[in-house]
């Protein structure tokens, strides 16, 4: 199990380079960075892929069918089985849900989604797209009352790059997953996110 340290001043991106269901040999380059201040986590993604798909043009649609980056996190695993999934495409549209597994999930509010302040950019000449957003601690604490943004607090999560209906479907993860078929909703395969 991997451990990712969330620090205030970190500027080093981490690759999303495990492809447990590699049927095409297509491995787009994708990396992420999570930092924090006193009120928010900040999440950034950089992705380079030859065939960017960005068909979804509304929030809480089938974002995963496009080129997509995803951050799943249980912000207080000592007291909750729920994790929040944030899935974003190159257009900056997101799916934002919470629940204990794939089948028992509910949408967060439109106001909470807006509080992410998502920014996305596509550089078509370089086949690169980027995403950045924030996760306010106030939103997290609404669903995880015991969450504390303090050094030593450990969360559980995983980070993904996928594209279910891209030219070459692909499924990449930061922390390895062992399962016969693609499934990102397996919290037993979450890694550690440690606040520093």
Protein backbone atom coordinates (compact mmCIF):
# COMPACT_ATOMS: atom_id res chain seq x y z
CA UNK A 1 0.00 0.00 0.00
CA UNK A 2 1.37 3.38 -1.02
CA UNK A 3 1.44 6.49 1.16
CA UNK A 4 1.15 10.01 -0.24
CA UNK A 5 2.17 12.96 1.94
CA UNK A 6 0.04 16.10 1.58
CA UNK A 7 2.26 19.09 2.25
CA UNK A 8 1.75 22.83 1.93
CA UNK A 9 4.75 23.59 -0.28
CA UNK A 10 5.09 20.39 -2.33
CA UNK A 11 5.41 20.94 -6.10
CA UNK A 12 6.41 17.41 -7.15
CA UNK A 13 3.86 15.58 -9.28
CA UNK A 14 3.30 11.84 -8.80
CA UNK A 15 2.60 9.50 -11.75
CA UNK A 16 -0.57 7.49 -12.16
CA UNK A 17 1.20 4.56 -13.74
CA UNK A 18 -0.41 1.27 -12.72
CA UNK A 19 -2.44 -0.28 -15.57
CA UNK A 20 -3.94 -3.45 -14.04
CA UNK A 21 -6.35 -4.05 -16.93
CA UNK A 22 -4.07 -3.36 -19.88
CA UNK A 23 -5.78 -4.72 -22.99
CA UNK A 24 -4.54 -2.22 -25.57
CA UNK A 25 -1.02 -1.30 -24.48
CA UNK A 26 -2.10 2.35 -24.51
CA UNK A 27 -0.61 4.16 -21.50
CA UNK A 28 -1.33 7.90 -21.51
CA UNK A 29 0.96 9.86 -19.22
CA UNK A 30 -0.87 11.31 -16.24
CA UNK A 31 0.29 12.72 -12.91
CA UNK A 32 -1.20 14.43 -9.88
CA UNK A 33 -0.35 16.76 -7.03
CA UNK A 34 -2.25 17.35 -3.76
CA UNK A 35 -1.31 20.25 -1.48
CA UNK A 36 -3.10 22.20 1.23
CA UNK A 37 -3.42 25.44 3.12
CA UNK A 38 -5.40 26.20 6.28
CA UNK A 39 -8.82 25.87 4.62
CA UNK A 40 -8.51 23.68 1.51
CA UNK A 41 -6.87 20.81 -0.26
CA UNK A 42 -5.65 21.70 -3.76
CA UNK A 43 -5.62 19.00 -6.45
CA UNK A 44 -3.87 19.27 -9.82
CA UNK A 45 -3.61 16.85 -12.73
CA UNK A 46 -1.45 16.92 -15.88
CA UNK A 47 -2.25 14.45 -18.67
CA UNK A 48 -0.81 13.80 -22.10
CA UNK A 49 -2.77 11.52 -24.39
CA UNK A 50 -2.97 11.17 -28.14
CA UNK A 51 -6.75 10.98 -28.43
CA UNK A 52 -8.49 13.34 -26.02
CA UNK A 53 -12.22 12.69 -25.71
CA UNK A 54 -14.34 15.47 -24.18
CA UNK A 55 -17.95 14.83 -25.11
CA UNK A 56 -19.62 15.41 -21.74
CA UNK A 57 -20.79 19.03 -21.29
CA UNK A 58 -22.67 18.90 -17.98
CA UNK A 59 -21.88 18.03 -14.39
CA UNK A 60 -22.83 14.64 -12.92
CA UNK A 61 -23.08 12.88 -16.27
CA UNK A 62 -21.02 9.91 -17.55
CA UNK A 63 -17.73 11.76 -17.11
CA UNK A 64 -15.74 8.50 -16.99
CA UNK A 65 -16.54 7.77 -20.64
CA UNK A 66 -14.42 10.78 -21.65
CA UNK A 67 -10.74 11.28 -21.00
CA UNK A 68 -11.03 11.54 -17.25
CA UNK A 69 -9.03 12.02 -14.04
CA UNK A 70 -10.44 10.94 -10.70
CA UNK A 71 -9.72 11.40 -7.00
CA UNK A 72 -11.50 9.09 -4.54
CA UNK A 73 -10.98 9.76 -0.83
CA UNK A 74 -12.34 8.68 2.54
CA UNK A 75 -11.44 11.68 4.67
CA UNK A 76 -11.93 9.90 8.00
CA UNK A 77 -11.59 6.11 7.62
CA UNK A 78 -11.52 5.62 11.40
CA UNK A 79 -15.15 6.75 11.64
CA UNK A 80 -16.72 6.31 8.19
CA UNK A 81 -16.89 3.88 5.26
CA UNK A 82 -17.98 6.64 2.86
CA UNK A 83 -15.63 8.04 0.26
CA UNK A 84 -16.09 11.01 -2.05
CA UNK A 85 -15.36 10.58 -5.76
CA UNK A 86 -14.47 13.57 -7.91
CA UNK A 87 -14.25 12.69 -11.61
CA UNK A 88 -13.38 15.44 -14.10
CA UNK A 89 -13.07 15.58 -17.89
CA UNK A 90 -11.01 18.00 -20.06
CA UNK A 91 -13.98 20.38 -20.29
CA UNK A 92 -13.93 20.85 -16.51
CA UNK A 93 -17.20 19.01 -15.88
CA UNK A 94 -17.34 16.76 -12.84
CA UNK A 95 -19.13 13.92 -11.15
CA UNK A 96 -19.22 14.53 -7.38
CA UNK A 97 -20.70 11.78 -5.19
CA UNK A 98 -20.36 10.12 -1.79
CA UNK A 99 -21.10 6.66 -0.44
CA UNK A 100 -19.56 3.42 0.89
CA UNK A 101 -19.36 1.55 -2.42
CA UNK A 102 -20.27 1.67 -6.12
CA UNK A 103 -23.95 0.90 -5.63
CA UNK A 104 -24.86 3.14 -2.69
CA UNK A 105 -23.87 6.68 -3.67
CA UNK A 106 -25.53 10.07 -3.64
CA UNK A 107 -24.68 13.38 -5.26
CA UNK A 108 -23.24 16.21 -3.24
CA UNK A 109 -25.04 19.52 -3.64
CA UNK A 110 -24.63 21.92 -6.55
CA UNK A 111 -23.30 24.53 -4.13
CA UNK A 112 -20.66 22.09 -2.87
CA UNK A 113 -19.66 21.23 -6.43
CA UNK A 114 -19.32 24.93 -7.26
CA UNK A 115 -17.04 25.35 -4.24
CA UNK A 116 -14.40 23.21 -6.00
CA UNK A 117 -13.69 26.08 -8.43
CA UNK A 118 -12.63 23.67 -11.18
CA UNK A 119 -10.27 24.93 -13.87
CA UNK A 120 -9.47 22.86 -16.95
CA UNK A 121 -7.36 23.58 -20.02
CA UNK A 122 -6.64 21.68 -23.26
CA UNK A 123 -3.48 22.29 -25.30
CA UNK A 124 -4.53 20.57 -28.54
CA UNK A 125 -1.17 21.09 -30.23
CA UNK A 126 0.67 19.18 -27.50
CA UNK A 127 -2.16 16.71 -26.71
CA UNK A 128 -1.99 17.86 -23.09
CA UNK A 129 -4.81 18.73 -20.73
CA UNK A 130 -4.76 19.93 -17.15
CA UNK A 131 -7.22 20.16 -14.28
CA UNK A 132 -7.01 21.97 -10.97
CA UNK A 133 -9.51 22.44 -8.16
CA UNK A 134 -9.83 22.89 -4.42
CA UNK A 135 -11.66 20.86 -1.79
CA UNK A 136 -12.78 23.10 1.09
CA UNK A 137 -12.36 21.60 4.55
CA UNK A 138 -15.81 23.00 5.36
CA UNK A 139 -17.36 20.64 2.78
CA UNK A 140 -15.34 17.68 4.06
CA UNK A 141 -16.34 18.33 7.68
CA UNK A 142 -20.02 18.36 6.76
CA UNK A 143 -19.73 14.67 5.85
CA UNK A 144 -16.85 13.73 8.14
CA UNK A 145 -17.35 15.64 11.43
CA UNK A 146 -14.20 14.13 12.99
CA UNK A 147 -11.93 15.16 10.10
CA UNK A 148 -8.98 17.26 11.23
CA UNK A 149 -6.63 19.05 8.82
CA UNK A 150 -3.63 18.57 11.07
CA UNK A 151 -0.25 16.90 10.74
CA UNK A 152 -0.45 13.14 11.20
CA UNK A 153 -4.11 12.77 10.22
CA UNK A 154 -4.39 9.86 7.77
CA UNK A 155 -7.03 9.44 5.07
CA UNK A 156 -7.56 6.67 2.51
CA UNK A 157 -7.93 7.07 -1.23
CA UNK A 158 -6.79 6.45 -4.76
CA UNK A 159 -6.18 8.47 -7.90
CA UNK A 160 -7.16 7.35 -11.38
CA UNK A 161 -6.87 8.10 -15.09
CA UNK A 162 -9.41 6.48 -17.39
CA UNK A 163 -11.34 6.82 -20.61
CA UNK A 164 -14.00 4.15 -20.99
CA UNK A 165 -15.13 5.26 -24.45
CA UNK A 166 -11.94 6.84 -25.78
CA UNK A 167 -10.31 5.49 -28.94
CA UNK A 168 -8.21 3.23 -26.74
CA UNK A 169 -10.05 2.51 -23.48
CA UNK A 170 -7.68 2.57 -20.50
CA UNK A 171 -7.75 2.35 -16.71
CA UNK A 172 -4.80 3.56 -14.64
CA UNK A 173 -4.42 3.94 -10.88
CA UNK A 174 -1.90 5.34 -8.41
CA UNK A 175 -2.26 2.62 -5.76
CA UNK A 176 -2.37 -0.86 -7.35
CA UNK A 177 -5.67 -2.73 -7.62
CA UNK A 178 -6.07 -6.49 -7.86
CA UNK A 179 -9.37 -7.37 -9.52
CA UNK A 180 -10.19 -9.35 -12.68
CA UNK A 181 -12.20 -6.51 -14.24
CA UNK A 182 -11.87 -2.70 -14.15
CA UNK A 183 -13.34 -1.29 -10.95
CA UNK A 184 -12.19 1.88 -9.17
CA UNK A 185 -14.79 1.52 -6.40
CA UNK A 186 -12.75 -0.94 -4.35
CA UNK A 187 -11.89 0.90 -1.17
CA UNK A 188 -9.87 -2.08 0.13
CA UNK A 189 -7.27 -1.03 -2.45
CA UNK A 190 -7.05 2.60 -1.31
CA UNK A 191 -3.67 3.94 -0.31
CA UNK A 192 -2.84 6.34 2.50
CA UNK A 193 -3.05 10.13 2.24
CA UNK A 194 -1.12 11.54 5.17
CA UNK A 195 -1.38 15.18 6.12
CA UNK A 196 1.99 16.74 6.91
